[in-house]
Amino acid sequence: MRKHKFRAWDEENKVMIPWDQLKFDKDPSEEIVVYRQVSAGEWEGIEPELMEYTGLKDKNGAEGCQDDILDTHVGKAVIKLGKYGGTGDIEHYNVGFYVDFLDRFTNSAYRHELGYWLPQSVIIGNIHDNPELLAGKQS
């Protein structure tokens, strides 16, 4: 069983916060509260966008995470989490981590399973720190 880890994008400060600098808690209303480490023993509450680690690594051994950008042999792709698959009127979908290719043709022509793509690809950045890598994305 894989370890569940997250990283967080702090939009206010424009910084990615690694797993080991995050702390999670519940407030009295049972809502999850996220804190980032400011200094040794000092934490501040934040409202980040959380990204889950996939439990898989790229061909260089880097851990794959939601919103990472991959360089595959057929083009760039983004790691996403959610529903993917089904076409047309068929209500058959997969749910989990998958790749979303930046090029519309490539996205429709190739499989999307992350477990197939990540071990043979390289993580070149993420959509928050490296938005320039998404240039030319076709919808």
C-alpha atoms as a PDB file:
ATOM      1  CA  MET A   1       0.000   0.000   0.000  1.00  0.00           C
ATOM      2  CA  ARG A   2       1.384   3.395  -0.944  1.00  0.00           C
ATOM      3  CA  LYS A   3       1.944   6.186   1.530  1.00  0.00           C
ATOM      4  CA  HIS A   4      -0.468   9.106   1.055  1.00  0.00           C
ATOM      5  CA  LYS A   5       1.501  12.331   0.755  1.00  0.00           C
ATOM      6  CA  PHE A   6       0.586  15.770  -0.512  1.00  0.00           C
ATOM      7  CA  ARG A   7       2.314  18.934  -1.542  1.00  0.00           C
ATOM      8  CA  ALA A   8       0.576  22.295  -1.545  1.00  0.00           C
ATOM      9  CA  TRP A   9       0.522  25.347  -3.796  1.00  0.00           C
ATOM     10  CA  ASP A  10       0.181  28.537  -1.772  1.00  0.00           C
ATOM     11  CA  GLU A  11      -1.373  30.903  -4.309  1.00  0.00           C
ATOM     12  CA  GLU A  12      -1.042  33.947  -2.032  1.00  0.00           C
ATOM     13  CA  ASN A  13       2.738  33.564  -1.660  1.00  0.00           C
ATOM     14  CA  LYS A  14       3.277  31.826  -5.043  1.00  0.00           C
ATOM     15  CA  VAL A  15       5.247  28.979  -3.492  1.00  0.00           C
ATOM     16  CA  MET A  16       5.088  25.174  -3.559  1.00  0.00           C
ATOM     17  CA  ILE A  17       5.217  23.652  -0.086  1.00  0.00           C
ATOM     18  CA  PRO A  18       6.642  20.118   0.223  1.00  0.00           C
ATOM     19  CA  TRP A  19       5.075  17.324   2.271  1.00  0.00           C
ATOM     20  CA  ASP A  20       7.492  17.650   5.193  1.00  0.00           C
ATOM     21  CA  GLN A  21       6.543  21.318   5.730  1.00  0.00           C
ATOM     22  CA  LEU A  22       2.786  20.710   5.987  1.00  0.00           C
ATOM     23  CA  LYS A  23       0.616  19.874   8.975  1.00  0.00           C
ATOM     24  CA  PHE A  24      -3.059  18.894   8.884  1.00  0.00           C
ATOM     25  CA  ASP A  25      -5.633  19.295  11.648  1.00  0.00           C
ATOM     26  CA  LYS A  26      -9.399  19.587  12.142  1.00  0.00           C
ATOM     27  CA  ASP A  27     -11.128  22.696  13.410  1.00  0.00           C
ATOM     28  CA  PRO A  28     -14.168  22.452  15.768  1.00  0.00           C
ATOM     29  CA  SER A  29     -16.534  22.170  12.767  1.00  0.00           C
ATOM     30  CA  GLU A  30     -14.569  19.105  11.549  1.00  0.00           C
ATOM     31  CA  GLU A  31     -13.134  21.006   8.553  1.00  0.00           C
ATOM     32  CA  ILE A  32      -9.569  20.116   7.565  1.00  0.00           C
ATOM     33  CA  VAL A  33      -7.125  22.934   8.293  1.00  0.00           C
ATOM     34  CA  VAL A  34      -3.700  23.079   6.618  1.00  0.00           C
ATOM     35  CA  TYR A  35      -0.641  24.695   8.162  1.00  0.00           C
ATOM     36  CA  ARG A  36       2.751  25.409   6.660  1.00  0.00           C
ATOM     37  CA  GLN A  37       5.963  25.519   8.644  1.00  0.00           C
ATOM     38  CA  VAL A  38       7.311  29.071   8.831  1.00  0.00           C
ATOM     39  CA  SER A  39      10.294  28.262  11.072  1.00  0.00           C
ATOM     40  CA  ALA A  40      11.252  25.627  13.635  1.00  0.00           C
ATOM     41  CA  GLY A  41       8.161  25.103  15.784  1.00  0.00           C
ATOM     42  CA  GLU A  42       6.199  27.921  14.118  1.00  0.00           C
ATOM     43  CA  TRP A  43       3.215  27.175  11.849  1.00  0.00           C
ATOM     44  CA  GLU A  44       0.695  29.360  10.015  1.00  0.00           C
ATOM     45  CA  GLY A  45      -2.682  28.427   8.582  1.00  0.00           C
ATOM     46  CA  ILE A  46      -3.020  28.536   4.785  1.00  0.00           C
ATOM     47  CA  GLU A  47      -5.674  27.733   2.192  1.00  0.00           C
ATOM     48  CA  PRO A  48      -3.608  25.913  -0.429  1.00  0.00           C
ATOM     49  CA  GLU A  49      -4.393  23.812  -3.455  1.00  0.00           C
ATOM     50  CA  LEU A  50      -3.391  20.293  -2.417  1.00  0.00           C
ATOM     51  CA  MET A  51      -1.800  17.879  -4.875  1.00  0.00           C
ATOM     52  CA  GLU A  52      -1.522  14.194  -4.065  1.00  0.00           C
ATOM     53  CA  TYR A  53       1.512  12.059  -4.803  1.00  0.00           C
ATOM     54  CA  THR A  54       0.703   9.208  -7.163  1.00  0.00           C
ATOM     55  CA  GLY A  55       2.916   6.591  -5.558  1.00  0.00           C
ATOM     56  CA  LEU A  56       4.761   6.222  -8.902  1.00  0.00           C
ATOM     57  CA  LYS A  57       8.114   7.524 -10.119  1.00  0.00           C
ATOM     58  CA  ASP A  58       9.346   8.781 -13.469  1.00  0.00           C
ATOM     59  CA  LYS A  59      12.231   7.129 -15.317  1.00  0.00           C
ATOM     60  CA  ASN A  60      14.724   9.232 -13.318  1.00  0.00           C
ATOM     61  CA  GLY A  61      13.227   8.212  -9.954  1.00  0.00           C
ATOM     62  CA  ALA A  62      11.341  11.477  -9.255  1.00  0.00           C
ATOM     63  CA  GLU A  63       7.997  11.024  -7.466  1.00  0.00           C
ATOM     64  CA  GLY A  64       5.005  11.877  -9.657  1.00  0.00           C
ATOM     65  CA  CYS A  65       2.390  14.237  -8.289  1.00  0.00           C
ATOM     66  CA  GLN A  66      -0.907  15.708  -9.400  1.00  0.00           C
ATOM     67  CA  ASP A  67      -0.316  18.728 -11.708  1.00  0.00           C
ATOM     68  CA  ASP A  68       3.208  17.647 -12.705  1.00  0.00           C
ATOM     69  CA  ILE A  69       4.118  18.128 -16.355  1.00  0.00           C
ATOM     70  CA  LEU A  70       5.640  15.139 -18.146  1.00  0.00           C
ATOM     71  CA  ASP A  71       7.822  14.971 -21.221  1.00  0.00           C
ATOM     72  CA  THR A  72       6.765  11.737 -22.967  1.00  0.00           C
ATOM     73  CA  HIS A  73       7.984  10.332 -26.273  1.00  0.00           C
ATOM     74  CA  VAL A  74       4.750  11.577 -27.928  1.00  0.00           C
ATOM     75  CA  GLY A  75       4.557  15.045 -26.325  1.00  0.00           C
ATOM     76  CA  LYS A  76       3.931  16.858 -23.065  1.00  0.00           C
ATOM     77  CA  ALA A  77       1.205  15.786 -20.641  1.00  0.00           C
ATOM     78  CA  VAL A  78      -0.121  16.834 -17.219  1.00  0.00           C
ATOM     79  CA  ILE A  79      -0.813  14.377 -14.382  1.00  0.00           C
ATOM     80  CA  LYS A  80      -4.419  14.726 -13.253  1.00  0.00           C
ATOM     81  CA  LEU A  81      -6.705  12.978 -10.773  1.00  0.00           C
ATOM     82  CA  GLY A  82     -10.319  12.256 -11.575  1.00  0.00           C
ATOM     83  CA  LYS A  83     -12.604  10.615 -14.094  1.00  0.00           C
ATOM     84  CA  TYR A  84     -11.223   9.741 -17.529  1.00  0.00           C
ATOM     85  CA  GLY A  85     -11.933   7.378 -20.367  1.00  0.00           C
ATOM     86  CA  GLY A  86     -15.503   7.179 -21.678  1.00  0.00           C
ATOM     87  CA  THR A  87     -16.302   8.332 -25.167  1.00  0.00           C
ATOM     88  CA  GLY A  88     -19.542   9.293 -26.850  1.00  0.00           C
ATOM     89  CA  ASP A  89     -22.671   7.904 -25.224  1.00  0.00           C
ATOM     90  CA  ILE A  90     -20.838   5.144 -23.402  1.00  0.00           C
ATOM     91  CA  GLU A  91     -20.966   5.714 -19.627  1.00  0.00           C
ATOM     92  CA  HIS A  92     -17.815   3.737 -18.877  1.00  0.00           C
ATOM     93  CA  TYR A  93     -15.093   5.719 -17.156  1.00  0.00           C
ATOM     94  CA  ASN A  94     -11.995   5.086 -15.104  1.00  0.00           C
ATOM     95  CA  VAL A  95     -11.265   7.080 -11.955  1.00  0.00           C
ATOM     96  CA  GLY A  96      -7.775   7.768 -10.682  1.00  0.00           C
ATOM     97  CA  PHE A  97      -4.518   9.351 -11.780  1.00  0.00           C
ATOM     98  CA  TYR A  98      -4.141   9.819 -15.525  1.00  0.00           C
ATOM     99  CA  VAL A  99      -2.243  11.866 -18.097  1.00  0.00           C
ATOM    100  CA  ASP A 100      -3.850  14.650 -20.103  1.00  0.00           C
ATOM    101  CA  PHE A 101      -1.782  15.408 -23.213  1.00  0.00           C
ATOM    102  CA  LEU A 102      -1.405  19.063 -24.173  1.00  0.00           C
ATOM    103  CA  ASP A 103      -2.002  18.357 -27.855  1.00  0.00           C
ATOM    104  CA  ARG A 104      -5.641  17.616 -28.729  1.00  0.00           C
ATOM    105  CA  PHE A 105      -4.769  14.958 -31.342  1.00  0.00           C
ATOM    106  CA  THR A 106      -2.335  13.150 -29.041  1.00  0.00           C
ATOM    107  CA  ASN A 107      -4.905  13.301 -26.227  1.00  0.00           C
ATOM    108  CA  SER A 108      -7.482  11.469 -28.349  1.00  0.00           C
ATOM    109  CA  ALA A 109      -5.059   8.992 -29.948  1.00  0.00           C
ATOM    110  CA  TYR A 110      -3.237   7.531 -26.943  1.00  0.00           C
ATOM    111  CA  ARG A 111      -4.090   5.751 -23.711  1.00  0.00           C
ATOM    112  CA  HIS A 112      -4.231   7.819 -20.513  1.00  0.00           C
ATOM    113  CA  GLU A 113      -3.180   5.427 -17.722  1.00  0.00           C
ATOM    114  CA  LEU A 114      -0.498   7.071 -15.592  1.00  0.00           C
ATOM    115  CA  GLY A 115       1.029   3.704 -14.711  1.00  0.00           C
ATOM    116  CA  TYR A 116       1.886   3.215 -18.382  1.00  0.00           C
ATOM    117  CA  TRP A 117       3.322   6.705 -19.056  1.00  0.00           C
ATOM    118  CA  LEU A 118       5.145   7.857 -15.918  1.00  0.00           C
ATOM    119  CA  PRO A 119       7.862   5.142 -15.736  1.00  0.00           C
ATOM    120  CA  GLN A 120       8.933   5.924 -19.323  1.00  0.00           C
ATOM    121  CA  SER A 121       8.672   9.734 -19.058  1.00  0.00           C
ATOM    122  CA  VAL A 122      10.445  12.599 -17.284  1.00  0.00           C
ATOM    123  CA  ILE A 123       8.834  15.139 -14.941  1.00  0.00           C
ATOM    124  CA  ILE A 124       9.881  18.555 -16.268  1.00  0.00           C
ATOM    125  CA  GLY A 125       7.930  20.810 -13.905  1.00  0.00           C
ATOM    126  CA  ASN A 126       4.409  21.508 -12.679  1.00  0.00           C
ATOM    127  CA  ILE A 127       1.558  23.755 -13.796  1.00  0.00           C
ATOM    128  CA  HIS A 128       2.064  26.220 -10.927  1.00  0.00           C
ATOM    129  CA  ASP A 129       5.832  26.777 -10.927  1.00  0.00           C
ATOM    130  CA  ASN A 130       6.245  26.326 -14.693  1.00  0.00           C
ATOM    131  CA  PRO A 131       3.143  27.599 -16.532  1.00  0.00           C
ATOM    132  CA  GLU A 132       5.329  28.461 -19.527  1.00  0.00           C
ATOM    133  CA  LEU A 133       5.649  24.717 -20.228  1.00  0.00           C
ATOM    134  CA  LEU A 134       1.907  24.700 -21.050  1.00  0.00           C
ATOM    135  CA  ALA A 135       2.365  27.202 -23.888  1.00  0.00           C
ATOM    136  CA  GLY A 136       0.579  26.116 -27.037  1.00  0.00           C
ATOM    137  CA  LYS A 137      -1.921  23.855 -25.228  1.00  0.00           C
ATOM    138  CA  GLN A 138      -4.817  23.051 -27.526  1.00  0.00           C
ATOM    139  CA  SER A 139      -8.228  22.539 -25.969  1.00  0.00           C
END
